[in-house]
C-alpha atoms as a PDB file:
ATOM      1  CA  MET A   1     -61.793 129.517 -18.673  1.00  0.00           C
ATOM      2  CA  LYS A   2     -59.032 128.922 -21.208  1.00  0.00           C
ATOM      3  CA  LYS A   3     -57.969 125.748 -19.385  1.00  0.00           C
ATOM      4  CA  LEU A   4     -61.558 124.533 -19.386  1.00  0.00           C
ATOM      5  CA  LEU A   5     -61.848 125.136 -23.143  1.00  0.00           C
ATOM      6  CA  LEU A   6     -58.524 123.356 -23.755  1.00  0.00           C
ATOM      7  CA  VAL A   7     -59.582 120.314 -21.717  1.00  0.00           C
ATOM      8  CA  SER A   8     -62.944 120.231 -23.522  1.00  0.00           C
ATOM      9  CA  ALA A   9     -61.203 120.366 -26.898  1.00  0.00           C
ATOM     10  CA  LEU A  10     -58.879 117.506 -25.965  1.00  0.00           C
ATOM     11  CA  ILE A  11     -61.772 115.383 -24.741  1.00  0.00           C
ATOM     12  CA  SER A  12     -63.722 116.100 -27.918  1.00  0.00           C
ATOM     13  CA  ALA A  13     -60.734 115.214 -30.078  1.00  0.00           C
ATOM     14  CA  GLY A  14     -60.230 111.966 -28.190  1.00  0.00           C
ATOM     15  CA  ALA A  15     -63.892 111.074 -28.502  1.00  0.00           C
ATOM     16  CA  PHE A  16     -63.784 111.739 -32.251  1.00  0.00           C
ATOM     17  CA  ALA A  17     -60.672 109.587 -32.659  1.00  0.00           C
ATOM     18  CA  ASN A  18     -62.284 106.733 -30.757  1.00  0.00           C
ATOM     19  CA  ALA A  19     -65.362 107.063 -32.944  1.00  0.00           C
ATOM     20  CA  GLN A  20     -63.431 106.569 -36.168  1.00  0.00           C
ATOM     21  CA  SER A  21     -64.024 103.265 -37.929  1.00  0.00           C
ATOM     22  CA  PHE A  22     -60.472 103.301 -39.372  1.00  0.00           C
ATOM     23  CA  GLN A  23     -57.605 103.868 -36.941  1.00  0.00           C
ATOM     24  CA  LYS A  24     -53.854 103.608 -36.696  1.00  0.00           C
ATOM     25  CA  GLY A  25     -52.569 100.291 -35.361  1.00  0.00           C
ATOM     26  CA  ARG A  26     -55.580  98.192 -36.324  1.00  0.00           C
ATOM     27  CA  PHE A  27     -55.846  95.272 -38.738  1.00  0.00           C
ATOM     28  CA  PHE A  28     -58.731  95.051 -41.215  1.00  0.00           C
ATOM     29  CA  ILE A  29     -59.850  91.947 -43.097  1.00  0.00           C
ATOM     30  CA  GLN A  30     -62.386  91.701 -45.893  1.00  0.00           C
ATOM     31  CA  ILE A  31     -63.652  88.657 -47.797  1.00  0.00           C
ATOM     32  CA  SER A  32     -65.603  89.539 -50.894  1.00  0.00           C
ATOM     33  CA  GLU A  33     -67.251  88.107 -53.967  1.00  0.00           C
ATOM     34  CA  GLY A  34     -68.327  89.886 -57.085  1.00  0.00           C
ATOM     35  CA  GLY A  35     -68.181  90.187 -60.826  1.00  0.00           C
ATOM     36  CA  THR A  36     -65.641  91.458 -63.291  1.00  0.00           C
ATOM     37  CA  THR A  37     -65.656  92.502 -66.940  1.00  0.00           C
ATOM     38  CA  THR A  38     -62.390  92.468 -68.840  1.00  0.00           C
ATOM     39  CA  HIS A  39     -61.103  93.193 -72.316  1.00  0.00           C
ATOM     40  CA  ILE A  40     -58.782  90.325 -73.277  1.00  0.00           C
ATOM     41  CA  ALA A  41     -56.207  90.906 -76.009  1.00  0.00           C
ATOM     42  CA  THR A  42     -53.786  88.128 -76.979  1.00  0.00           C
ATOM     43  CA  ASP A  43     -50.613  88.628 -79.018  1.00  0.00           C
ATOM     44  CA  GLY A  44     -48.244  86.184 -80.699  1.00  0.00           C
ATOM     45  CA  ASP A  45     -49.290  83.010 -82.506  1.00  0.00           C
ATOM     46  CA  SER A  46     -52.935  83.818 -81.768  1.00  0.00           C
ATOM     47  CA  ARG A  47     -54.196  87.414 -82.061  1.00  0.00           C
ATOM     48  CA  HIS A  48     -57.688  88.152 -80.842  1.00  0.00           C
ATOM     49  CA  HIS A  49     -59.454  90.585 -78.556  1.00  0.00           C
ATOM     50  CA  GLY A  50     -62.877  90.695 -76.953  1.00  0.00           C
ATOM     51  CA  ASP A  51     -64.855  91.414 -73.805  1.00  0.00           C
ATOM     52  CA  GLU A  52     -65.553  88.695 -71.251  1.00  0.00           C
ATOM     53  CA  GLY A  53     -67.435  88.572 -67.952  1.00  0.00           C
ATOM     54  CA  GLY A  54     -66.331  86.553 -64.957  1.00  0.00           C
ATOM     55  CA  ASP A  55     -66.523  85.945 -61.224  1.00  0.00           C
ATOM     56  CA  ARG A  56     -64.178  87.376 -58.609  1.00  0.00           C
ATOM     57  CA  ASP A  57     -63.272  86.068 -55.126  1.00  0.00           C
ATOM     58  CA  PRO A  58     -60.472  87.929 -53.216  1.00  0.00           C
ATOM     59  CA  LEU A  59     -59.186  88.216 -49.647  1.00  0.00           C
ATOM     60  CA  THR A  60     -57.726  91.531 -48.399  1.00  0.00           C
ATOM     61  CA  ILE A  61     -55.758  92.357 -45.234  1.00  0.00           C
ATOM     62  CA  GLU A  62     -54.933  95.967 -44.289  1.00  0.00           C
ATOM     63  CA  TYR A  63     -52.984  97.635 -41.481  1.00  0.00           C
ATOM     64  CA  GLY A  64     -53.493 101.231 -40.376  1.00  0.00           C
ATOM     65  CA  LEU A  65     -50.228 103.171 -40.542  1.00  0.00           C
ATOM     66  CA  THR A  66     -52.030 106.371 -39.529  1.00  0.00           C
ATOM     67  CA  ASP A  67     -55.664 107.346 -39.009  1.00  0.00           C
ATOM     68  CA  LYS A  68     -55.824 108.078 -42.760  1.00  0.00           C
ATOM     69  CA  VAL A  69     -53.301 105.792 -44.474  1.00  0.00           C
ATOM     70  CA  GLY A  70     -53.232 102.007 -44.600  1.00  0.00           C
ATOM     71  CA  VAL A  71     -51.123  99.383 -46.349  1.00  0.00           C
ATOM     72  CA  GLY A  72     -52.345  95.916 -47.196  1.00  0.00           C
ATOM     73  CA  LEU A  73     -52.121  92.657 -49.116  1.00  0.00           C
ATOM     74  CA  ASN A  74     -54.705  91.383 -51.583  1.00  0.00           C
ATOM     75  CA  ILE A  75     -54.943  87.808 -52.873  1.00  0.00           C
ATOM     76  CA  GLY A  76     -57.646  87.121 -55.441  1.00  0.00           C
ATOM     77  CA  THR A  77     -58.707  85.026 -58.422  1.00  0.00           C
ATOM     78  CA  ASP A  78     -61.008  85.840 -61.330  1.00  0.00           C
ATOM     79  CA  LEU A  79     -62.664  83.030 -63.292  1.00  0.00           C
ATOM     80  CA  TYR A  80     -63.641  83.331 -66.965  1.00  0.00           C
ATOM     81  CA  LYS A  81     -65.059  80.936 -69.546  1.00  0.00           C
ATOM     82  CA  VAL A  82     -63.351  81.736 -72.853  1.00  0.00           C
ATOM     83  CA  ASP A  83     -63.259  80.443 -76.415  1.00  0.00           C
ATOM     84  CA  ALA A  84     -59.793  78.912 -76.402  1.00  0.00           C
ATOM     85  CA  SER A  85     -59.519  78.660 -80.204  1.00  0.00           C
ATOM     86  CA  LYS A  86     -59.977  82.420 -80.622  1.00  0.00           C
ATOM     87  CA  TYR A  87     -57.775  83.688 -77.828  1.00  0.00           C
ATOM     88  CA  PHE A  88     -55.126  80.957 -77.538  1.00  0.00           C
ATOM     89  CA  GLY A  89     -55.122  79.068 -80.850  1.00  0.00           C
ATOM     90  CA  PHE A  90     -56.195  75.604 -79.687  1.00  0.00           C
ATOM     91  CA  GLU A  91     -59.602  73.992 -79.406  1.00  0.00           C
ATOM     92  CA  PRO A  92     -60.488  71.592 -76.594  1.00  0.00           C
ATOM     93  CA  ARG A  93     -63.328  69.162 -77.193  1.00  0.00           C
ATOM     94  CA  SER A  94     -65.651  71.375 -75.156  1.00  0.00           C
ATOM     95  CA  LYS A  95     -64.503  74.424 -77.207  1.00  0.00           C
ATOM     96  CA  TYR A  96     -64.522  76.616 -74.112  1.00  0.00           C
ATOM     97  CA  ALA A  97     -61.834  76.657 -71.408  1.00  0.00           C
ATOM     98  CA  GLN A  98     -61.782  77.896 -67.826  1.00  0.00           C
ATOM     99  CA  MET A  99     -59.329  80.778 -67.560  1.00  0.00           C
ATOM    100  CA  PHE A 100     -58.073  81.630 -64.074  1.00  0.00           C
ATOM    101  CA  PHE A 101     -56.591  85.075 -63.545  1.00  0.00           C
ATOM    102  CA  SER A 102     -54.861  85.290 -60.154  1.00  0.00           C
ATOM    103  CA  GLU A 103     -53.208  88.267 -58.496  1.00  0.00           C
ATOM    104  CA  THR A 104     -51.218  89.101 -55.389  1.00  0.00           C
ATOM    105  CA  THR A 105     -50.869  92.833 -54.813  1.00  0.00           C
ATOM    106  CA  LEU A 106     -49.525  95.344 -52.337  1.00  0.00           C
ATOM    107  CA  ASP A 107     -52.262  97.897 -51.615  1.00  0.00           C
ATOM    108  CA  PHE A 108     -51.929 101.536 -50.565  1.00  0.00           C
ATOM    109  CA  ASN A 109     -55.143 102.975 -49.094  1.00  0.00           C
ATOM    110  CA  TYR A 110     -56.203 106.516 -48.246  1.00  0.00           C
ATOM    111  CA  HIS A 111     -59.243 106.837 -45.953  1.00  0.00           C
ATOM    112  CA  PHE A 112     -60.588 110.276 -46.811  1.00  0.00           C
ATOM    113  CA  TYR A 113     -63.772 110.019 -44.736  1.00  0.00           C
ATOM    114  CA  ASN A 114     -64.606 107.860 -41.739  1.00  0.00           C
ATOM    115  CA  THR A 115     -66.946 108.022 -38.765  1.00  0.00           C
ATOM    116  CA  LYS A 116     -67.941 105.476 -36.142  1.00  0.00           C
ATOM    117  CA  LYS A 117     -69.963 103.504 -38.706  1.00  0.00           C
ATOM    118  CA  LEU A 118     -68.853 104.610 -42.165  1.00  0.00           C
ATOM    119  CA  ASP A 119     -65.433 104.351 -43.833  1.00  0.00           C
ATOM    120  CA  LEU A 120     -64.775 105.667 -47.361  1.00  0.00           C
ATOM    121  CA  SER A 121     -61.377 105.107 -48.974  1.00  0.00           C
ATOM    122  CA  SER A 122     -59.512 105.014 -52.269  1.00  0.00           C
ATOM    123  CA  PHE A 123     -56.632 102.677 -53.095  1.00  0.00           C
ATOM    124  CA  PHE A 124     -53.807 101.938 -55.517  1.00  0.00           C
ATOM    125  CA  SER A 125     -52.370  98.433 -55.939  1.00  0.00           C
ATOM    126  CA  VAL A 126     -49.387  96.907 -57.733  1.00  0.00           C
ATOM    127  CA  GLY A 127     -48.335  93.282 -57.829  1.00  0.00           C
ATOM    128  CA  LEU A 128     -47.954  89.964 -59.601  1.00  0.00           C
ATOM    129  CA  ALA A 129     -50.489  88.297 -61.899  1.00  0.00           C
ATOM    130  CA  VAL A 130     -50.851  84.807 -63.380  1.00  0.00           C
ATOM    131  CA  THR A 131     -53.118  83.622 -66.205  1.00  0.00           C
ATOM    132  CA  THR A 132     -53.801  79.866 -66.259  1.00  0.00           C
ATOM    133  CA  LEU A 133     -55.716  77.496 -68.521  1.00  0.00           C
ATOM    134  CA  LYS A 134     -55.628  73.779 -67.719  1.00  0.00           C
ATOM    135  CA  GLY A 135     -57.855  70.879 -68.729  1.00  0.00           C
ATOM    136  CA  ASP A 136     -57.893  67.262 -69.883  1.00  0.00           C
ATOM    137  CA  ASP A 137     -60.216  67.479 -72.917  1.00  0.00           C
ATOM    138  CA  PHE A 138     -57.510  68.157 -75.506  1.00  0.00           C
ATOM    139  CA  GLY A 139     -55.337  65.525 -77.162  1.00  0.00           C
ATOM    140  CA  GLU A 140     -53.999  62.714 -75.002  1.00  0.00           C
ATOM    141  CA  GLY A 141     -52.339  64.668 -72.244  1.00  0.00           C
ATOM    142  CA  GLY A 142     -54.697  67.625 -71.925  1.00  0.00           C
ATOM    143  CA  TYR A 143     -53.664  71.255 -72.192  1.00  0.00           C
ATOM    144  CA  GLN A 144     -51.768  73.661 -69.965  1.00  0.00           C
ATOM    145  CA  TYR A 145     -51.039  77.371 -70.338  1.00  0.00           C
ATOM    146  CA  ASN A 146     -49.388  79.461 -67.623  1.00  0.00           C
ATOM    147  CA  ALA A 147     -48.396  83.087 -68.144  1.00  0.00           C
ATOM    148  CA  LYS A 148     -46.926  85.415 -65.539  1.00  0.00           C
ATOM    149  CA  GLY A 149     -46.717  89.189 -65.311  1.00  0.00           C
ATOM    150  CA  ASN A 150     -47.783  92.313 -63.451  1.00  0.00           C
ATOM    151  CA  ILE A 151     -51.011  94.104 -62.560  1.00  0.00           C
ATOM    152  CA  VAL A 152     -51.989  97.637 -61.554  1.00  0.00           C
ATOM    153  CA  ARG A 153     -55.386  98.220 -59.897  1.00  0.00           C
ATOM    154  CA  THR A 154     -57.077 101.317 -58.493  1.00  0.00           C
ATOM    155  CA  GLY A 155     -60.502 101.934 -57.017  1.00  0.00           C
ATOM    156  CA  ALA A 156     -62.665 102.933 -54.077  1.00  0.00           C
ATOM    157  CA  LYS A 157     -64.249 101.157 -51.086  1.00  0.00           C
ATOM    158  CA  MET A 158     -67.147 101.800 -48.778  1.00  0.00           C
ATOM    159  CA  LYS A 159     -67.428  99.995 -45.425  1.00  0.00           C
ATOM    160  CA  TYR A 160     -70.322 100.194 -43.011  1.00  0.00           C
ATOM    161  CA  TYR A 161     -69.898  98.693 -39.533  1.00  0.00           C
ATOM    162  CA  PHE A 162     -72.941  97.255 -37.772  1.00  0.00           C
ATOM    163  CA  SER A 163     -70.960  96.720 -34.576  1.00  0.00           C
ATOM    164  CA  ARG A 164     -67.563  97.571 -33.140  1.00  0.00           C
ATOM    165  CA  ARG A 165     -65.822  94.913 -35.227  1.00  0.00           C
ATOM    166  CA  PHE A 166     -68.131  93.622 -37.956  1.00  0.00           C
ATOM    167  CA  GLY A 167     -69.422  95.321 -41.072  1.00  0.00           C
ATOM    168  CA  ILE A 168     -70.160  95.042 -44.775  1.00  0.00           C
ATOM    169  CA  MET A 169     -68.058  96.277 -47.683  1.00  0.00           C
ATOM    170  CA  ALA A 170     -68.721  97.411 -51.274  1.00  0.00           C
ATOM    171  CA  MET A 171     -65.909  98.094 -53.717  1.00  0.00           C
ATOM    172  CA  VAL A 172     -65.354  99.069 -57.350  1.00  0.00           C
ATOM    173  CA  SER A 173     -62.008  98.993 -59.157  1.00  0.00           C
ATOM    174  CA  GLY A 174     -60.299  99.201 -62.520  1.00  0.00           C
ATOM    175  CA  TYR A 175     -57.182  97.303 -63.536  1.00  0.00           C
ATOM    176  CA  THR A 176     -54.717  96.478 -66.283  1.00  0.00           C
ATOM    177  CA  ALA A 177     -52.394  93.468 -66.487  1.00  0.00           C
ATOM    178  CA  LYS A 178     -50.013  91.745 -68.875  1.00  0.00           C
ATOM    179  CA  CYS A 179     -48.969  88.079 -68.604  1.00  0.00           C
ATOM    180  CA  SER A 180     -46.358  86.291 -70.723  1.00  0.00           C
ATOM    181  CA  PRO A 181     -45.689  82.511 -71.048  1.00  0.00           C
ATOM    182  CA  PHE A 182     -42.036  83.001 -71.962  1.00  0.00           C
ATOM    183  CA  ALA A 183     -39.604  81.378 -69.516  1.00  0.00           C
ATOM    184  CA  VAL A 184     -42.500  79.384 -68.000  1.00  0.00           C
ATOM    185  CA  SER A 185     -42.031  75.609 -68.247  1.00  0.00           C
ATOM    186  CA  GLY A 186     -44.736  72.976 -68.654  1.00  0.00           C
ATOM    187  CA  ASN A 187     -46.879  74.717 -71.287  1.00  0.00           C
ATOM    188  CA  ASN A 188     -48.039  72.613 -74.247  1.00  0.00           C
ATOM    189  CA  VAL A 189     -50.373  75.160 -75.879  1.00  0.00           C
ATOM    190  CA  ALA A 190     -50.148  78.870 -76.737  1.00  0.00           C
ATOM    191  CA  LYS A 191     -46.447  78.908 -75.903  1.00  0.00           C
ATOM    192  CA  ASN A 192     -45.937  82.227 -77.701  1.00  0.00           C
ATOM    193  CA  VAL A 193     -49.213  83.935 -76.734  1.00  0.00           C
ATOM    194  CA  THR A 194     -49.102  86.950 -74.403  1.00  0.00           C
ATOM    195  CA  THR A 195     -52.329  87.808 -72.561  1.00  0.00           C
ATOM    196  CA  ASN A 196     -53.321  91.422 -71.844  1.00  0.00           C
ATOM    197  CA  LEU A 197     -56.315  92.228 -69.636  1.00  0.00           C
ATOM    198  CA  THR A 198     -57.953  95.581 -68.954  1.00  0.00           C
ATOM    199  CA  GLY A 199     -61.216  95.869 -67.078  1.00  0.00           C
ATOM    200  CA  TRP A 200     -63.181  96.690 -63.961  1.00  0.00           C
ATOM    201  CA  ALA A 201     -64.699  94.785 -61.044  1.00  0.00           C
ATOM    202  CA  PHE A 202     -67.309  95.216 -58.330  1.00  0.00           C
ATOM    203  CA  GLU A 203     -67.319  93.353 -55.014  1.00  0.00           C
ATOM    204  CA  PHE A 204     -69.421  92.890 -51.890  1.00  0.00           C
ATOM    205  CA  GLY A 205     -68.731  91.071 -48.653  1.00  0.00           C
ATOM    206  CA  PRO A 206     -68.149  91.097 -44.892  1.00  0.00           C
ATOM    207  CA  CYS A 207     -65.339  93.032 -43.218  1.00  0.00           C
ATOM    208  CA  PHE A 208     -63.749  92.689 -39.779  1.00  0.00           C
ATOM    209  CA  LYS A 209     -61.367  94.810 -37.696  1.00  0.00           C
ATOM    210  CA  PHE A 210     -59.219  94.086 -34.657  1.00  0.00           C
ATOM    211  CA  ARG A 211     -56.127  95.381 -32.898  1.00  0.00           C
END
């Protein structure tokens, strides 16, 4: 009887493991789009702060180290339309400039709840960030501003799988970053302006898993 109970327990445990949507040794990919709201604060020659809304478009790859813990890489870009004269001290002919905020982070994920269909996780990310403004409607040679720094992001994800490999993902996160133009060559505007960003983002998109 004891042997029968032991075998039944092992079979049940194996069935539960196979039913989990997140597992050790698997790769997970998600492509998402969403929105972001950030508080921009510039220091240096131009001092200004304000809230701006933008669009977000990242790619994330994750590998399962255990059935609960995963490590991954995130590459994403946020796009904002900002008043360049207020934040960066120069005014293009169109007044507004496209500001690109790009990040590459190492992600640490903890999957605290997952079944065959549903996967809930939290994450913490650290990495590199770049703030860029570039256009041709300023002076004779246009304008260029590149600032580099670091970013910290944390948040939570929910994935629901319609099939064995394909699903949909929803995610919310908060972040803080600081980018400096010092020691960056090629800038012709806002050479002494440091950009600080603090905000949150929400994302939706497809997700995929494979061994």
